[in-house]
Amino acid sequence: MLRPASRPGSLTVGEDVPDRWPMQFRSVVIVVFEQVQGLDVFGPADVFYFANYVAQQAGEKEPAYAVELAASSPGPVATASGPAIHATRTLSDPSLRPDVLLVAGGLKVLDAVADARLVEDLEALVVRSGEVGSICTGAALLAEAGVLDGRRATTHWALADQLAQCHPEVEVDAERIYIQDGIWTSAGVCAGIDLALELVRTHHGAAMAADVARHMVVYLQRGGGQHQLSTHLAAQRSNHRSIADLMALIADNPEVDLSVPALAAQVNMSERSFHRLFTAEVGISPGRYVERARVDAARSLLEHTSENVATIARRCGFRTPETFMRSFKRAVGVSPTEFRSRVARSHR
């Protein structure tokens, strides 16, 4: 099994990092190919850019990251949406030894997988790299290079079944936003931002990651254990503006009164009419949706904080820890304590 090169002074994933980061420079290389998804490249790249900005604002003289793009050959590379990006490095260059190597994805990733030379060069580059990961369908390239053998990995939900069929030696988990099992993998497109924020957190601490997220005006931070199709995304599928706004309010405020009377009052409807409309629009009852939103919030807190179960239950709007534990196990399949243990094990 291929293993990326170890780097002195690197942090163990899941290790507590001080809020004030000890500045350490890291080189980042993002692997691209023809018809690569642009956001797979620029989402993570902008996270590292804003990390440099935050560090500079804090008085650091040197940047935290330097990002380069690498391809089979240097020069322009067309993105899926049309505009070209410019790769300055060649994958086969033996002097290319990044601290962080990320492989972007795209709908045409299977064309890249069929390029034997690209896969061979990627395999060699992984060995010369520190931390290694993929964005979206870039997991297919890592799998083809043998990097994911014997590991848990995620990818865009639309590619998950095919990845599992083509690479049965990889344990594909299509539910997760990102996974770290020796190699980082992440779900579709925007999940690359979540993964890059988690890298910043493990490198430089939660405070820096939070500052980066604030500057980018993104949600900090979807936990790796969160479903790819979460309650935040469900809110975008309703054609009824009032219901969509209410779904977003529920997802963002799980601790408040979210009973049917309270929700109906928010949209100036009778309880009966509201229940009927909400169920028709969303496909489940308001009560079931509220439970899902609260469980999603709890998953994130279990993954990113050390708060006890009773505190998390209260913060997520459950009346008692017992009610929380029953709802969580019904939705996730394991207890909150077991979920937290599994997340901790996956970060080792």
Protein backbone atom coordinates (compact mmCIF):
# COMPACT_ATOMS: atom_id res chain seq x y z
CA MET A 1 0.00 0.00 0.00
CA LEU A 2 1.31 3.40 -0.92
CA ARG A 3 2.06 5.76 1.96
CA PRO A 4 2.76 9.48 1.64
CA ALA A 5 6.08 10.61 2.96
CA SER A 6 6.10 11.71 6.58
CA ARG A 7 7.00 15.29 7.38
CA PRO A 8 8.73 16.51 10.52
CA GLY A 9 6.60 18.65 12.80
CA SER A 10 3.31 17.61 11.23
CA LEU A 11 0.23 17.39 13.44
CA THR A 12 -1.78 14.27 14.08
CA VAL A 13 -5.32 14.64 12.77
CA GLY A 14 -7.71 15.17 15.65
CA GLU A 15 -4.93 16.44 17.93
CA ASP A 16 -5.83 19.50 19.95
CA VAL A 17 -4.37 22.63 18.37
CA PRO A 18 -3.92 25.88 20.29
CA ASP A 19 -6.14 28.79 19.30
CA ARG A 20 -3.03 30.85 18.59
CA TRP A 21 -1.32 29.03 15.76
CA PRO A 22 2.41 28.38 15.61
CA MET A 23 3.12 29.54 12.07
CA GLN A 24 4.54 26.86 9.82
CA PHE A 25 4.77 27.28 6.06
CA ARG A 26 3.26 24.55 3.87
CA SER A 27 3.40 24.08 0.12
CA VAL A 28 0.15 22.95 -1.50
CA VAL A 29 -0.19 21.34 -4.92
CA ILE A 30 -3.59 20.81 -6.55
CA VAL A 31 -3.66 18.25 -9.37
CA VAL A 32 -5.76 19.29 -12.36
CA PHE A 33 -6.72 17.76 -15.71
CA GLU A 34 -8.75 18.74 -18.79
CA GLN A 35 -12.36 19.60 -17.87
CA VAL A 36 -11.58 19.79 -14.15
CA GLN A 37 -14.30 21.30 -11.97
CA GLY A 38 -13.26 24.89 -11.33
CA LEU A 39 -14.66 25.12 -7.80
CA ASP A 40 -12.76 21.95 -6.84
CA VAL A 41 -9.63 23.99 -7.50
CA PHE A 42 -10.54 27.51 -6.43
CA GLY A 43 -12.58 26.58 -3.34
CA PRO A 44 -9.63 25.03 -1.46
CA ALA A 45 -7.17 27.49 -3.03
CA ASP A 46 -9.16 30.44 -1.68
CA VAL A 47 -9.26 28.88 1.79
CA PHE A 48 -5.46 28.82 1.79
CA TYR A 49 -5.34 32.35 0.36
CA PHE A 50 -7.50 33.69 3.17
CA ALA A 51 -5.42 31.76 5.70
CA ASN A 52 -2.46 33.79 4.49
CA TYR A 53 -4.52 36.98 4.77
CA VAL A 54 -5.61 36.16 8.31
CA ALA A 55 -2.01 35.37 9.28
CA GLN A 56 -0.80 38.67 7.79
CA GLN A 57 -3.49 40.59 9.67
CA ALA A 58 -2.30 38.92 12.86
CA GLY A 59 1.23 40.22 12.25
CA GLU A 60 2.87 37.19 10.68
CA LYS A 61 5.60 38.12 8.21
CA GLU A 62 5.52 34.92 6.16
CA PRO A 63 2.57 33.17 4.48
CA ALA A 64 1.10 29.97 5.85
CA TYR A 65 0.60 28.41 2.42
CA ALA A 66 1.73 28.61 -1.19
CA VAL A 67 -0.54 26.98 -3.79
CA GLU A 68 0.51 25.65 -7.20
CA LEU A 69 -1.36 23.72 -9.87
CA ALA A 70 0.16 20.60 -11.42
CA ALA A 71 -0.90 18.67 -14.52
CA SER A 72 0.53 16.11 -16.92
CA SER A 73 2.22 19.01 -18.67
CA PRO A 74 2.44 22.71 -17.80
CA GLY A 75 0.24 25.25 -19.51
CA PRO A 76 -3.46 26.05 -19.89
CA VAL A 77 -6.01 23.50 -18.68
CA ALA A 78 -9.67 23.91 -19.61
CA THR A 79 -12.17 23.81 -16.75
CA ALA A 80 -15.60 22.20 -17.08
CA SER A 81 -17.27 25.61 -17.24
CA GLY A 82 -14.98 26.88 -20.00
CA PRO A 83 -12.32 29.29 -18.65
CA ALA A 84 -8.82 27.87 -18.60
CA ILE A 85 -6.51 27.73 -15.62
CA HIS A 86 -2.73 27.53 -15.82
CA ALA A 87 -0.71 24.64 -14.45
CA THR A 88 2.83 25.71 -13.59
CA ARG A 89 4.17 22.31 -12.52
CA THR A 90 4.46 18.87 -14.10
CA LEU A 91 3.29 15.84 -12.14
CA SER A 92 6.37 13.85 -13.10
CA ASP A 93 8.82 16.53 -11.89
CA PRO A 94 10.88 14.77 -9.17
CA SER A 95 11.49 18.12 -7.44
CA LEU A 96 7.74 18.45 -6.76
CA ARG A 97 7.40 17.48 -3.08
CA PRO A 98 4.38 19.27 -1.61
CA ASP A 99 3.45 19.31 2.05
CA VAL A 100 -0.21 19.02 0.99
CA LEU A 101 -1.33 17.30 -2.22
CA LEU A 102 -4.97 17.61 -3.30
CA VAL A 103 -6.48 15.97 -6.39
CA ALA A 104 -9.39 17.88 -7.91
CA GLY A 105 -12.34 16.21 -9.61
CA GLY A 106 -14.88 16.83 -12.34
CA LEU A 107 -17.44 15.07 -14.50
CA LYS A 108 -14.65 14.03 -16.90
CA VAL A 109 -12.55 12.41 -14.19
CA LEU A 110 -12.97 8.96 -15.76
CA ASP A 111 -11.12 10.23 -18.85
CA ALA A 112 -8.26 11.18 -16.55
CA VAL A 113 -8.46 7.77 -14.84
CA ALA A 114 -7.98 6.15 -18.26
CA ASP A 115 -4.73 8.09 -18.76
CA ALA A 116 -2.17 5.52 -17.58
CA ARG A 117 0.71 8.00 -17.57
CA LEU A 118 -1.20 10.51 -15.43
CA VAL A 119 -2.12 7.80 -12.92
CA GLU A 120 1.47 6.53 -12.79
CA ASP A 121 2.84 10.04 -12.24
CA LEU A 122 0.23 10.66 -9.53
CA GLU A 123 1.18 7.43 -7.78
CA ALA A 124 4.82 8.54 -7.64
CA LEU A 125 3.89 12.06 -6.53
CA VAL A 126 1.83 10.72 -3.61
CA VAL A 127 4.94 9.01 -2.23
CA ARG A 128 6.83 12.31 -2.40
CA SER A 129 4.06 14.26 -0.65
CA GLY A 130 3.08 14.94 2.95
CA GLU A 131 -0.69 15.01 3.48
CA VAL A 132 -2.72 13.70 0.54
CA GLY A 133 -6.38 14.20 -0.30
CA SER A 134 -9.01 14.48 -3.00
CA ILE A 135 -11.84 16.84 -3.79
CA CYS A 136 -15.11 15.42 -5.08
CA THR A 137 -14.56 12.81 -7.83
CA GLY A 138 -10.80 13.22 -7.56
CA ALA A 139 -11.09 10.16 -5.29
CA ALA A 140 -11.38 8.07 -8.47
CA LEU A 141 -7.85 9.08 -9.46
CA LEU A 142 -6.46 8.26 -6.02
CA ALA A 143 -8.26 4.91 -6.09
CA GLU A 144 -6.87 4.09 -9.54
CA ALA A 145 -3.38 4.89 -8.25
CA GLY A 146 -3.90 2.41 -5.40
CA VAL A 147 -3.72 5.12 -2.75
CA LEU A 148 -7.10 4.28 -1.18
CA ASP A 149 -6.69 0.51 -0.95
CA GLY A 150 -7.79 -0.72 2.47
CA ARG A 151 -9.04 2.73 3.49
CA ARG A 152 -12.39 4.41 4.09
CA ALA A 153 -13.13 7.15 1.58
CA THR A 154 -15.92 9.38 0.34
CA THR A 155 -16.65 11.10 -2.94
CA HIS A 156 -19.51 12.83 -4.72
CA TRP A 157 -22.67 10.81 -4.07
CA ALA A 158 -23.25 10.36 -7.83
CA LEU A 159 -19.91 8.52 -8.26
CA ALA A 160 -19.99 6.52 -5.03
CA ASP A 161 -21.56 3.32 -6.36
CA GLN A 162 -19.28 3.23 -9.39
CA LEU A 163 -16.20 3.84 -7.24
CA ALA A 164 -17.21 0.98 -4.93
CA GLN A 165 -17.81 -1.37 -7.85
CA CYS A 166 -14.54 -0.54 -9.64
CA HIS A 167 -12.49 -0.57 -6.43
CA PRO A 168 -13.94 -3.10 -3.97
CA GLU A 169 -10.76 -2.80 -1.91
CA VAL A 170 -11.87 0.74 -0.96
CA GLU A 171 -14.55 1.15 1.73
CA VAL A 172 -16.71 3.86 0.15
CA ASP A 173 -18.89 5.88 2.52
CA ALA A 174 -21.16 8.11 0.44
CA GLU A 175 -22.72 9.72 3.51
CA ARG A 176 -19.77 11.77 4.70
CA ILE A 177 -18.73 15.31 3.80
CA TYR A 178 -15.09 14.37 4.26
CA ILE A 179 -13.09 11.49 5.73
CA GLN A 180 -9.53 11.20 7.00
CA ASP A 181 -8.28 7.62 6.98
CA GLY A 182 -4.60 8.25 6.39
CA ILE A 183 -5.72 9.98 3.18
CA TRP A 184 -8.22 12.85 3.05
CA THR A 185 -11.23 12.47 0.75
CA SER A 186 -14.22 14.79 0.40
CA ALA A 187 -17.65 14.85 -1.19
CA GLY A 188 -18.92 16.95 -4.06
CA VAL A 189 -17.56 20.33 -5.11
CA CYS A 190 -18.22 22.68 -2.16
CA ALA A 191 -17.13 19.99 0.30
CA GLY A 192 -13.60 20.83 -0.84
CA ILE A 193 -13.96 24.07 1.11
CA ASP A 194 -14.98 22.12 4.22
CA LEU A 195 -11.96 19.85 3.79
CA ALA A 196 -9.57 22.77 3.31
CA LEU A 197 -10.97 24.50 6.41
CA GLU A 198 -10.39 21.30 8.38
CA LEU A 199 -6.79 21.21 7.11
CA VAL A 200 -6.31 24.81 8.29
CA ARG A 201 -7.80 23.87 11.66
CA THR A 202 -5.48 20.88 12.11
CA HIS A 203 -2.47 22.94 10.97
CA HIS A 204 -3.09 26.24 12.75
CA GLY A 205 -6.02 25.92 15.15
CA ALA A 206 -9.76 26.53 15.32
CA ALA A 207 -9.44 30.31 15.65
CA MET A 208 -7.64 30.66 12.34
CA ALA A 209 -10.10 28.35 10.57
CA ALA A 210 -13.01 30.38 11.99
CA ASP A 211 -11.43 33.63 10.81
CA VAL A 212 -10.94 32.19 7.32
CA ALA A 213 -14.56 31.03 7.18
CA ARG A 214 -15.79 34.47 8.28
CA HIS A 215 -13.78 36.19 5.56
CA MET A 216 -15.14 33.75 2.97
CA VAL A 217 -18.67 34.10 4.40
CA VAL A 218 -19.12 30.33 4.48
CA TYR A 219 -20.80 28.06 7.00
CA LEU A 220 -18.19 26.98 9.55
CA GLN A 221 -18.06 24.18 9.34
CA ARG A 222 -19.94 21.22 8.01
CA GLY A 223 -18.54 18.31 9.97
CA GLY A 224 -17.05 15.36 8.16
CA GLY A 225 -19.75 13.19 9.71
CA GLN A 226 -22.61 15.26 8.29
CA HIS A 227 -24.76 13.83 5.52
CA GLN A 228 -23.94 15.09 2.00
CA LEU A 229 -27.66 15.76 1.51
CA SER A 230 -28.28 17.58 4.78
CA THR A 231 -31.17 19.63 6.10
CA HIS A 232 -29.38 22.83 4.99
CA LEU A 233 -29.46 21.58 1.39
CA ALA A 234 -33.01 20.30 1.72
CA ALA A 235 -34.16 23.86 2.36
CA GLN A 236 -33.12 24.78 -1.16
CA ARG A 237 -35.41 22.21 -2.80
CA SER A 238 -38.75 23.78 -1.81
CA ASN A 239 -40.58 25.83 -4.43
CA HIS A 240 -42.53 27.68 -1.73
CA ARG A 241 -40.46 30.65 -0.55
CA SER A 242 -41.97 30.82 2.93
CA ILE A 243 -41.41 27.12 3.53
CA ALA A 244 -37.84 27.29 2.20
CA ASP A 245 -37.07 30.22 4.50
CA LEU A 246 -38.63 28.38 7.43
CA MET A 247 -36.56 25.24 6.69
CA ALA A 248 -33.40 27.32 6.75
CA LEU A 249 -34.46 28.91 10.03
CA ILE A 250 -35.00 25.46 11.54
CA ALA A 251 -31.59 24.23 10.39
CA ASP A 252 -29.84 27.31 11.77
CA ASN A 253 -31.72 27.52 15.09
CA PRO A 254 -32.33 24.00 16.40
CA GLU A 255 -32.45 25.16 20.02
CA VAL A 256 -35.56 27.37 19.76
CA ASP A 257 -39.23 26.41 19.98
CA LEU A 258 -39.90 24.53 16.74
CA SER A 259 -43.30 23.08 17.57
CA VAL A 260 -45.97 23.09 14.89
CA PRO A 261 -47.84 26.00 16.55
CA ALA A 262 -44.65 28.08 16.67
CA LEU A 263 -43.71 27.28 13.08
CA ALA A 264 -47.23 27.92 11.78
CA ALA A 265 -47.18 31.31 13.48
CA GLN A 266 -43.91 32.15 11.72
CA VAL A 267 -45.63 31.87 8.32
CA ASN A 268 -49.03 33.23 9.46
CA MET A 269 -50.92 30.01 8.75
CA SER A 270 -53.25 27.78 10.70
CA GLU A 271 -51.56 24.71 12.16
CA ARG A 272 -53.56 22.37 9.94
CA SER A 273 -52.84 24.29 6.71
CA PHE A 274 -49.18 24.66 7.62
CA HIS A 275 -48.77 20.95 8.38
CA ARG A 276 -50.40 20.01 5.07
CA LEU A 277 -48.31 22.47 3.01
CA PHE A 278 -45.02 21.63 4.73
CA THR A 279 -45.52 17.89 4.27
CA ALA A 280 -46.44 18.36 0.60
CA GLU A 281 -43.41 20.56 -0.07
CA VAL A 282 -40.80 18.65 1.92
CA GLY A 283 -42.08 15.09 1.78
CA ILE A 284 -41.98 14.60 5.56
CA SER A 285 -43.85 16.13 8.46
CA PRO A 286 -42.60 19.28 10.23
CA GLY A 287 -41.84 17.24 13.36
CA ARG A 288 -39.69 14.74 11.46
CA TYR A 289 -37.82 17.53 9.67
CA VAL A 290 -37.13 19.32 12.95
CA GLU A 291 -35.78 16.08 14.42
CA ARG A 292 -33.45 15.63 11.42
CA ALA A 293 -32.20 19.22 11.70
CA ARG A 294 -31.49 18.80 15.40
CA VAL A 295 -29.65 15.53 14.82
CA ASP A 296 -27.56 17.17 12.07
CA ALA A 297 -26.60 19.95 14.49
CA ALA A 298 -25.76 17.39 17.16
CA ARG A 299 -23.53 15.41 14.78
CA SER A 300 -21.47 18.53 14.12
CA LEU A 301 -21.11 19.33 17.84
CA LEU A 302 -20.16 15.75 18.65
CA GLU A 303 -17.47 15.88 15.97
CA HIS A 304 -16.03 19.33 16.64
CA THR A 305 -16.46 19.89 20.37
CA SER A 306 -15.80 18.03 23.61
CA GLU A 307 -19.13 19.06 25.14
CA ASN A 308 -20.97 16.31 27.01
CA VAL A 309 -24.12 14.68 25.67
CA ALA A 310 -26.45 16.56 28.02
CA THR A 311 -25.09 19.94 26.91
CA ILE A 312 -25.33 19.01 23.23
CA ALA A 313 -28.89 17.78 23.73
CA ARG A 314 -29.85 21.13 25.27
CA ARG A 315 -28.07 23.18 22.59
CA CYS A 316 -29.85 21.24 19.85
CA GLY A 317 -33.32 21.67 21.30
CA PHE A 318 -33.97 18.23 22.79
CA ARG A 319 -35.92 18.33 26.04
CA THR A 320 -33.92 15.59 27.74
CA PRO A 321 -30.70 13.65 27.06
CA GLU A 322 -32.82 10.50 26.81
CA THR A 323 -34.97 11.98 24.05
CA PHE A 324 -31.82 13.11 22.26
CA MET A 325 -30.23 9.67 22.46
CA ARG A 326 -33.34 7.95 21.11
CA SER A 327 -33.69 10.40 18.21
CA PHE A 328 -29.98 10.26 17.38
CA LYS A 329 -29.85 6.47 17.34
CA ARG A 330 -32.99 6.30 15.20
CA ALA A 331 -31.46 8.67 12.63
CA VAL A 332 -27.79 7.63 12.68
CA GLY A 333 -27.97 4.02 13.79
CA VAL A 334 -25.61 4.39 16.75
CA SER A 335 -25.67 6.29 20.03
CA PRO A 336 -24.11 9.77 20.30
CA THR A 337 -21.25 8.31 22.35
CA GLU A 338 -20.52 5.60 19.79
CA PHE A 339 -20.71 8.16 16.95
CA ARG A 340 -18.14 10.35 18.70
CA SER A 341 -15.88 7.33 19.26
CA ARG A 342 -16.06 6.38 15.58
CA VAL A 343 -15.18 9.91 14.50
CA ALA A 344 -12.23 9.93 16.88
CA ARG A 345 -11.01 6.58 15.52
CA SER A 346 -11.29 7.80 11.91
CA HIS A 347 -9.06 10.79 12.80
CA ARG A 348 -6.21 8.66 14.11
